[in-house]
Amino acid sequence: MRKIFITGAAGFIGSQLAYYFWKKGDQVTLLDNFSYGSEDNLIFSNHDFRNEIIRGDIRDRELINQIFEKHQFDYVYHIAAITPLPDCQMNPSEASDVNVTGTVTILEASRIYGVKKVVFASTSAVYENNTDFPSIETNVMPPSLIYPSTKYTAEQFCRSYVDIYNMNVTCLRFANVYGPHLDCLRTQPPVVGYMIRELFYDRHPVLYGTGEQRRDFVYVEDLIRLCELVLQDKGFHIVNVSTGTTLSINELMKIVTKLMHKEELLPEYSDSKNFWNNYPNLYEGAYPISEKALDHEVTKYTELSNDYAFEKYGWKPEVSIEEGIQNTIKFSCKVLQKTSMKIIDTDNVVENDNKNH
């Protein structure tokens, strides 16, 4: 039985990873501070992790060392991070502290307590300034936005721990991951979750730019299969997790509306300069965010090569976009329905209170 530690375990990917290894009979220890994670993600049809997860922060060195000393882990999956791009831009110090310093805390504990392998969740966003496609692991133009910059920096620390301490670390650069448990409730959800949410409430989704920008979408179960395959690696590795194909935002929209039977809810389009209007502070101050930067984020082309993953591990994605989106819709609609009922109940309480006074 393998002893596995997962940070960010109440999040989209971390929770699915925990369930995957639990089903295999591994001993899984979960950590999350619930700044972005959700208890709903910890509830599966035949297991509930809510009473098992440790509530704590990856930057708490004393707590982390206590956990590592107690459990003597074989493998660590470091998924915890601040991932929403505008959140990172809004609070760069916090983003750097969590995404970089937090990663170093996990690496150091793994070093001290002899973890066999650390798997670090990186991102395809590190390729944001690339101009050659498909993007390959050995070719990265340094990123500009705060989020990919923190992940790129954390990758360098991973490499350092391998070079200096002979540890084993693999950095997985995730493409746009989607699937059940995808966050559809936060201020600016991932595009798949956003579309589902808006259509669920019979609203016209707002797409930025022309909608012809193309992205690489990978299903969460395909990603998790690769997460296990990389445990065999020795030394330092960086691996793209992607389909190697692209889909335009407009094409994605058509798939989601068709599967939700909401074809009449056509998207509305907005200029890329409005992309982060929900974060007005970014547009204020002596140096507001540039329209050029926003336009680049909206219109950039994303395509990752997965040749290395296939050649090294024999891995390739198996779930079609239609099947994956259908599974995502099914789960997300349950979450949205549950959330809607909570809102209705709250409204009724307020209304009744007003009548009694």
Protein backbone atom coordinates (compact mmCIF):
# COMPACT_ATOMS: atom_id res chain seq x y z
CA MET A 1 0.00 0.00 0.00
CA ARG A 2 1.42 3.34 -1.08
CA LYS A 3 1.33 6.34 1.24
CA ILE A 4 0.31 9.41 -0.77
CA PHE A 5 0.01 13.04 0.27
CA ILE A 6 -2.11 15.44 -1.79
CA THR A 7 -2.16 19.21 -1.28
CA GLY A 8 -5.07 21.25 -2.60
CA ALA A 9 -7.13 18.11 -2.11
CA ALA A 10 -10.49 19.88 -1.85
CA GLY A 11 -10.02 21.41 -5.28
CA PHE A 12 -11.06 20.17 -8.69
CA ILE A 13 -8.01 18.08 -9.58
CA GLY A 14 -6.80 17.27 -6.07
CA SER A 15 -10.10 15.73 -5.01
CA GLN A 16 -10.30 13.54 -8.12
CA LEU A 17 -6.72 12.44 -7.57
CA ALA A 18 -7.51 11.51 -3.95
CA TYR A 19 -10.50 9.42 -4.99
CA TYR A 20 -8.52 7.69 -7.73
CA PHE A 21 -5.80 6.50 -5.37
CA TRP A 22 -8.26 5.69 -2.58
CA LYS A 23 -10.09 3.34 -4.97
CA LYS A 24 -6.77 1.64 -5.69
CA GLY A 25 -6.34 0.89 -1.99
CA ASP A 26 -3.62 3.44 -1.34
CA GLN A 27 -3.40 5.38 1.91
CA VAL A 28 -4.18 8.98 1.02
CA THR A 29 -3.65 11.97 3.28
CA LEU A 30 -5.35 15.18 2.16
CA LEU A 31 -4.60 18.83 2.92
CA ASP A 32 -6.45 22.02 1.97
CA ASN A 33 -7.01 25.43 3.54
CA PHE A 34 -10.35 25.81 1.71
CA SER A 35 -9.53 29.23 0.30
CA TYR A 36 -10.61 27.81 -3.05
CA GLY A 37 -11.50 24.19 -2.31
CA SER A 38 -14.99 22.97 -1.54
CA GLU A 39 -16.37 20.30 0.75
CA ASP A 40 -18.69 19.23 -2.08
CA ASN A 41 -15.63 18.06 -4.01
CA LEU A 42 -14.83 15.61 -1.22
CA ILE A 43 -18.12 13.71 -1.50
CA PHE A 44 -18.12 10.71 -3.84
CA SER A 45 -20.72 8.03 -4.39
CA ASN A 46 -18.98 5.50 -2.14
CA HIS A 47 -16.70 7.65 0.01
CA ASP A 48 -16.73 10.93 1.90
CA PHE A 49 -13.38 12.61 2.63
CA ARG A 50 -14.80 15.55 4.57
CA ASN A 51 -13.94 14.17 8.00
CA GLU A 52 -10.52 12.94 6.88
CA ILE A 53 -9.00 16.01 5.25
CA ILE A 54 -6.52 18.11 7.20
CA ARG A 55 -7.43 21.79 7.17
CA GLY A 56 -4.19 23.67 6.89
CA ASP A 57 -1.91 25.84 4.79
CA ILE A 58 1.07 24.63 2.77
CA ARG A 59 3.05 27.62 4.09
CA ASP A 60 2.71 26.41 7.70
CA ARG A 61 6.10 24.73 8.01
CA GLU A 62 5.47 23.38 11.49
CA LEU A 63 2.22 21.72 10.41
CA ILE A 64 3.75 20.36 7.21
CA ASN A 65 6.69 18.85 9.06
CA GLN A 66 4.36 17.26 11.63
CA ILE A 67 2.28 15.69 8.86
CA PHE A 68 5.33 14.36 7.01
CA GLU A 69 6.95 13.00 10.16
CA LYS A 70 3.75 11.21 11.20
CA HIS A 71 2.90 9.60 7.87
CA GLN A 72 6.28 9.01 6.18
CA PHE A 73 4.87 9.44 2.68
CA ASP A 74 6.07 7.58 -0.38
CA TYR A 75 4.69 10.08 -2.89
CA VAL A 76 3.56 13.70 -2.82
CA TYR A 77 1.22 15.41 -5.27
CA HIS A 78 1.54 19.14 -4.80
CA ILE A 79 -1.60 20.60 -6.40
CA ALA A 80 -2.36 23.49 -4.01
CA ALA A 81 -2.02 26.96 -5.55
CA ILE A 82 -3.78 30.19 -6.28
CA THR A 83 -4.73 29.51 -9.88
CA PRO A 84 -7.23 32.17 -11.09
CA LEU A 85 -5.15 34.56 -13.18
CA PRO A 86 -6.94 37.76 -12.10
CA ASP A 87 -6.70 36.76 -8.42
CA CYS A 88 -2.95 36.45 -8.82
CA GLN A 89 -2.76 39.82 -10.57
CA MET A 90 -4.85 41.40 -7.82
CA ASN A 91 -2.60 40.10 -5.05
CA PRO A 92 0.83 39.23 -6.44
CA SER A 93 2.48 38.98 -3.02
CA GLU A 94 -0.02 36.39 -1.85
CA ALA A 95 0.21 34.50 -5.15
CA SER A 96 3.99 34.38 -4.92
CA ASP A 97 3.88 33.34 -1.27
CA VAL A 98 1.48 30.47 -1.88
CA ASN A 99 2.65 29.28 -5.30
CA VAL A 100 6.39 29.65 -4.79
CA THR A 101 7.14 29.68 -1.05
CA GLY A 102 4.47 27.05 -0.43
CA THR A 103 6.07 24.81 -3.05
CA VAL A 104 9.49 25.20 -1.43
CA THR A 105 7.96 24.23 1.94
CA ILE A 106 6.63 21.00 0.41
CA LEU A 107 9.94 20.27 -1.35
CA GLU A 108 11.92 20.81 1.83
CA ALA A 109 9.68 18.52 3.88
CA SER A 110 9.90 15.91 1.11
CA ARG A 111 13.68 16.18 1.25
CA ILE A 112 13.91 15.84 5.02
CA TYR A 113 11.51 12.92 5.32
CA GLY A 114 12.67 10.94 2.29
CA VAL A 115 9.72 11.14 -0.10
CA LYS A 116 10.39 8.93 -3.13
CA LYS A 117 8.77 11.24 -5.63
CA VAL A 118 7.16 14.70 -5.79
CA VAL A 119 4.73 15.53 -8.58
CA PHE A 120 4.21 19.26 -9.02
CA ALA A 121 1.16 20.71 -10.77
CA SER A 122 2.37 23.34 -13.22
CA THR A 123 0.49 24.93 -16.09
CA SER A 124 0.40 25.44 -19.84
CA ALA A 125 0.14 29.16 -19.03
CA VAL A 126 3.95 29.21 -18.81
CA TYR A 127 3.83 29.09 -22.63
CA GLU A 128 1.81 32.30 -22.85
CA ASN A 129 4.56 34.12 -24.77
CA ASN A 130 5.49 31.23 -27.04
CA THR A 131 5.15 31.73 -30.78
CA ASP A 132 6.12 28.22 -32.00
CA PHE A 133 3.41 25.58 -31.83
CA PRO A 134 2.72 23.03 -30.63
CA SER A 135 4.56 24.04 -27.46
CA ILE A 136 7.16 21.53 -26.30
CA GLU A 137 8.58 21.09 -22.82
CA THR A 138 12.08 22.30 -23.71
CA ASN A 139 10.99 25.58 -25.31
CA VAL A 140 9.53 28.25 -23.01
CA MET A 141 9.59 31.98 -23.45
CA PRO A 142 9.49 33.44 -19.91
CA PRO A 143 5.87 34.31 -19.03
CA SER A 144 4.59 37.77 -18.08
CA LEU A 145 1.45 37.40 -15.96
CA ILE A 146 1.80 36.74 -12.25
CA TYR A 147 0.24 33.26 -12.19
CA PRO A 148 2.42 31.60 -14.84
CA SER A 149 5.44 33.49 -13.51
CA THR A 150 4.95 31.92 -10.07
CA LYS A 151 4.55 28.46 -11.57
CA TYR A 152 7.60 28.90 -13.79
CA THR A 153 9.63 30.01 -10.77
CA ALA A 154 8.38 27.07 -8.71
CA GLU A 155 9.51 24.74 -11.50
CA GLN A 156 13.03 26.15 -11.11
CA PHE A 157 12.96 25.33 -7.40
CA CYS A 158 11.87 21.79 -8.26
CA ARG A 159 14.84 21.49 -10.60
CA SER A 160 17.13 22.88 -7.89
CA TYR A 161 16.06 20.23 -5.38
CA VAL A 162 16.76 17.52 -7.94
CA ASP A 163 20.16 18.95 -8.87
CA ILE A 164 21.32 19.60 -5.31
CA TYR A 165 19.69 16.77 -3.34
CA ASN A 166 19.23 14.03 -5.99
CA MET A 167 15.48 14.00 -5.40
CA ASN A 168 12.90 12.84 -7.93
CA VAL A 169 10.47 15.52 -9.12
CA THR A 170 8.17 15.71 -12.14
CA CYS A 171 6.45 18.94 -13.15
CA LEU A 172 3.22 18.41 -15.07
CA ARG A 173 2.17 21.32 -17.28
CA PHE A 174 -1.59 20.99 -17.43
CA ALA A 175 -3.48 22.24 -20.46
CA ASN A 176 -7.04 23.53 -19.87
CA VAL A 177 -8.41 20.80 -17.60
CA TYR A 178 -12.14 20.13 -17.43
CA GLY A 179 -14.41 17.48 -15.97
CA PRO A 180 -16.64 16.79 -12.94
CA HIS A 181 -15.83 18.95 -9.90
CA LEU A 182 -14.67 21.81 -12.14
CA ASP A 183 -15.31 25.08 -10.31
CA CYS A 184 -18.28 26.83 -11.87
CA LEU A 185 -19.09 29.16 -8.94
CA ARG A 186 -16.10 31.45 -8.50
CA THR A 187 -16.02 35.05 -9.77
CA GLN A 188 -14.29 34.13 -13.03
CA PRO A 189 -14.57 30.35 -13.53
CA PRO A 190 -12.68 28.35 -16.16
CA VAL A 191 -14.43 28.79 -19.50
CA VAL A 192 -16.19 25.40 -19.48
CA GLY A 193 -17.58 25.98 -15.99
CA TYR A 194 -18.55 29.52 -16.90
CA MET A 195 -20.53 28.42 -19.96
CA ILE A 196 -22.36 25.73 -18.03
CA ARG A 197 -23.25 28.15 -15.22
CA GLU A 198 -24.58 30.84 -17.53
CA LEU A 199 -26.64 28.41 -19.58
CA PHE A 200 -27.99 26.75 -16.43
CA TYR A 201 -29.40 30.12 -15.37
CA ASP A 202 -30.67 30.78 -18.92
CA ARG A 203 -28.23 33.62 -19.45
CA HIS A 204 -26.32 34.42 -22.62
CA PRO A 205 -22.60 33.69 -21.99
CA VAL A 206 -20.28 36.58 -22.73
CA LEU A 207 -17.30 35.59 -24.86
CA TYR A 208 -14.34 37.91 -25.17
CA GLY A 209 -12.70 38.72 -28.47
CA THR A 210 -14.10 36.91 -31.50
CA GLY A 211 -14.40 33.50 -29.89
CA GLU A 212 -12.10 32.09 -32.54
CA GLN A 213 -9.14 31.83 -30.15
CA ARG A 214 -8.14 28.20 -29.76
CA ARG A 215 -7.30 26.23 -26.64
CA ASP A 216 -6.13 22.73 -25.75
CA PHE A 217 -8.64 21.01 -23.43
CA VAL A 218 -7.80 17.81 -21.54
CA TYR A 219 -10.22 15.71 -19.50
CA VAL A 220 -9.43 15.26 -15.81
CA GLU A 221 -9.52 11.43 -15.85
CA ASP A 222 -6.99 11.35 -18.67
CA LEU A 223 -4.78 13.70 -16.68
CA ILE A 224 -4.99 11.54 -13.56
CA ARG A 225 -3.85 8.44 -15.47
CA LEU A 226 -0.69 10.30 -16.42
CA CYS A 227 -0.27 11.53 -12.85
CA GLU A 228 0.22 7.92 -11.80
CA LEU A 229 2.43 6.93 -14.72
CA VAL A 230 5.05 9.56 -13.89
CA LEU A 231 5.72 7.98 -10.49
CA GLN A 232 8.26 5.72 -12.20
CA ASP A 233 10.49 8.67 -13.14
CA LYS A 234 13.88 9.26 -11.60
CA GLY A 235 15.47 12.71 -11.52
CA PHE A 236 13.81 15.80 -12.96
CA HIS A 237 11.17 15.82 -15.69
CA ILE A 238 8.72 18.28 -17.20
CA VAL A 239 5.74 16.78 -19.01
CA ASN A 240 2.89 18.39 -20.96
CA VAL A 241 -0.57 17.01 -20.16
CA SER A 242 -2.68 17.78 -23.20
CA THR A 243 -4.62 16.41 -26.13
CA GLY A 244 -2.28 17.92 -28.69
CA THR A 245 -5.33 19.32 -30.49
CA THR A 246 -7.21 22.60 -30.26
CA LEU A 247 -10.79 23.76 -30.07
CA SER A 248 -12.02 27.31 -30.58
CA ILE A 249 -14.11 28.93 -27.87
CA ASN A 250 -16.97 29.20 -30.38
CA GLU A 251 -16.73 25.49 -31.15
CA LEU A 252 -16.72 24.72 -27.45
CA MET A 253 -19.77 26.92 -26.98
CA LYS A 254 -21.68 25.00 -29.65
CA ILE A 255 -20.90 21.69 -27.96
CA VAL A 256 -22.00 22.90 -24.53
CA THR A 257 -25.24 24.54 -25.78
CA LYS A 258 -26.13 21.43 -27.78
CA LEU A 259 -25.58 19.04 -24.87
CA MET A 260 -27.54 21.32 -22.51
CA HIS A 261 -30.30 21.82 -25.12
CA LYS A 262 -29.84 25.58 -24.89
CA GLU A 263 -28.98 26.36 -28.53
CA GLU A 264 -31.23 29.43 -28.40
CA LEU A 265 -28.92 31.09 -25.86
CA LEU A 266 -26.43 32.51 -28.32
CA PRO A 267 -23.27 34.07 -26.88
CA GLU A 268 -22.68 37.76 -26.64
CA TYR A 269 -19.26 39.16 -27.47
CA SER A 270 -17.23 41.78 -25.64
CA ASP A 271 -13.93 43.51 -26.27
CA SER A 272 -10.91 41.87 -24.64
CA LYS A 273 -10.22 45.05 -22.65
CA ASN A 274 -13.29 44.18 -20.54
CA PHE A 275 -12.03 40.67 -19.76
CA TRP A 276 -11.29 41.34 -16.09
CA ASN A 277 -13.98 43.94 -15.40
CA ASN A 278 -14.93 41.94 -12.32
CA TYR A 279 -11.57 43.04 -10.89
CA PRO A 280 -11.76 46.85 -11.16
CA ASN A 281 -8.60 47.42 -9.10
CA LEU A 282 -6.55 46.09 -11.99
CA TYR A 283 -7.74 49.03 -14.10
CA GLU A 284 -6.87 51.61 -11.45
CA GLY A 285 -3.69 53.18 -10.07
CA ALA A 286 -0.86 55.02 -11.75
CA TYR A 287 -0.16 52.02 -13.96
CA PRO A 288 -3.39 50.17 -14.82
CA ILE A 289 -3.30 46.84 -16.62
CA SER A 290 -2.62 47.37 -20.30
CA GLU A 291 -5.16 46.61 -23.00
CA LYS A 292 -2.36 44.87 -24.88
CA ALA A 293 -1.87 42.41 -22.01
CA LEU A 294 -5.59 41.70 -21.76
CA ASP A 295 -5.89 41.23 -25.52
CA HIS A 296 -2.97 38.82 -25.49
CA GLU A 297 -4.51 36.76 -22.69
CA VAL A 298 -7.86 36.59 -24.50
CA THR A 299 -6.61 35.91 -28.02
CA LYS A 300 -3.51 33.80 -27.38
CA TYR A 301 -3.26 30.43 -29.10
CA THR A 302 -2.70 27.38 -26.91
CA GLU A 303 -1.55 24.05 -28.28
CA LEU A 304 0.71 21.68 -26.38
CA SER A 305 2.59 18.76 -27.83
CA ASN A 306 1.95 15.51 -25.96
CA ASP A 307 4.57 13.56 -27.92
CA TYR A 308 6.86 13.27 -24.90
CA ALA A 309 4.08 11.80 -22.73
CA PHE A 310 3.30 9.23 -25.42
CA GLU A 311 6.91 8.32 -26.14
CA LYS A 312 7.94 8.02 -22.48
CA TYR A 313 4.80 6.55 -20.88
CA GLY A 314 2.64 5.36 -23.75
CA TRP A 315 0.01 7.83 -22.56
CA LYS A 316 -2.57 9.45 -24.76
CA PRO A 317 -5.97 11.00 -23.97
CA GLU A 318 -8.92 8.66 -24.37
CA VAL A 319 -12.03 10.71 -23.50
CA SER A 320 -13.67 12.62 -26.36
CA ILE A 321 -14.59 16.26 -25.86
CA GLU A 322 -18.31 15.43 -26.18
CA GLU A 323 -18.19 12.68 -23.55
CA GLY A 324 -16.08 14.80 -21.22
CA ILE A 325 -18.31 17.86 -21.53
CA GLN A 326 -21.43 15.75 -20.95
CA ASN A 327 -19.94 14.37 -17.71
CA THR A 328 -18.96 17.88 -16.64
CA ILE A 329 -22.45 19.25 -17.33
CA LYS A 330 -24.08 16.45 -15.34
CA PHE A 331 -21.99 17.15 -12.24
CA SER A 332 -21.99 20.94 -12.50
CA CYS A 333 -25.76 21.14 -12.88
CA LYS A 334 -26.16 19.19 -9.63
CA VAL A 335 -23.88 21.69 -7.89
CA LEU A 336 -25.73 24.65 -9.38
CA GLN A 337 -29.10 23.17 -8.46
CA LYS A 338 -27.93 22.66 -4.88
CA THR A 339 -26.59 26.22 -4.76
CA SER A 340 -29.85 27.59 -6.16
CA MET A 341 -31.85 25.81 -3.47
CA LYS A 342 -29.60 27.32 -0.78
CA ILE A 343 -30.23 30.79 -2.20
CA ILE A 344 -33.98 30.19 -2.29
CA ASP A 345 -33.95 28.97 1.32
CA THR A 346 -31.98 32.01 2.45
CA ASP A 347 -34.39 34.36 0.66
CA ASN A 348 -37.31 32.68 2.40
CA VAL A 349 -35.69 33.08 5.81
CA VAL A 350 -35.08 36.77 5.23
CA GLU A 351 -38.62 37.28 3.98
CA ASN A 352 -40.12 35.47 6.98
CA ASP A 353 -37.94 37.47 9.38
CA ASN A 354 -39.17 40.70 7.85
CA LYS A 355 -42.77 39.63 8.28
CA ASN A 356 -42.21 38.89 11.95
CA HIS A 357 -40.91 42.36 12.76
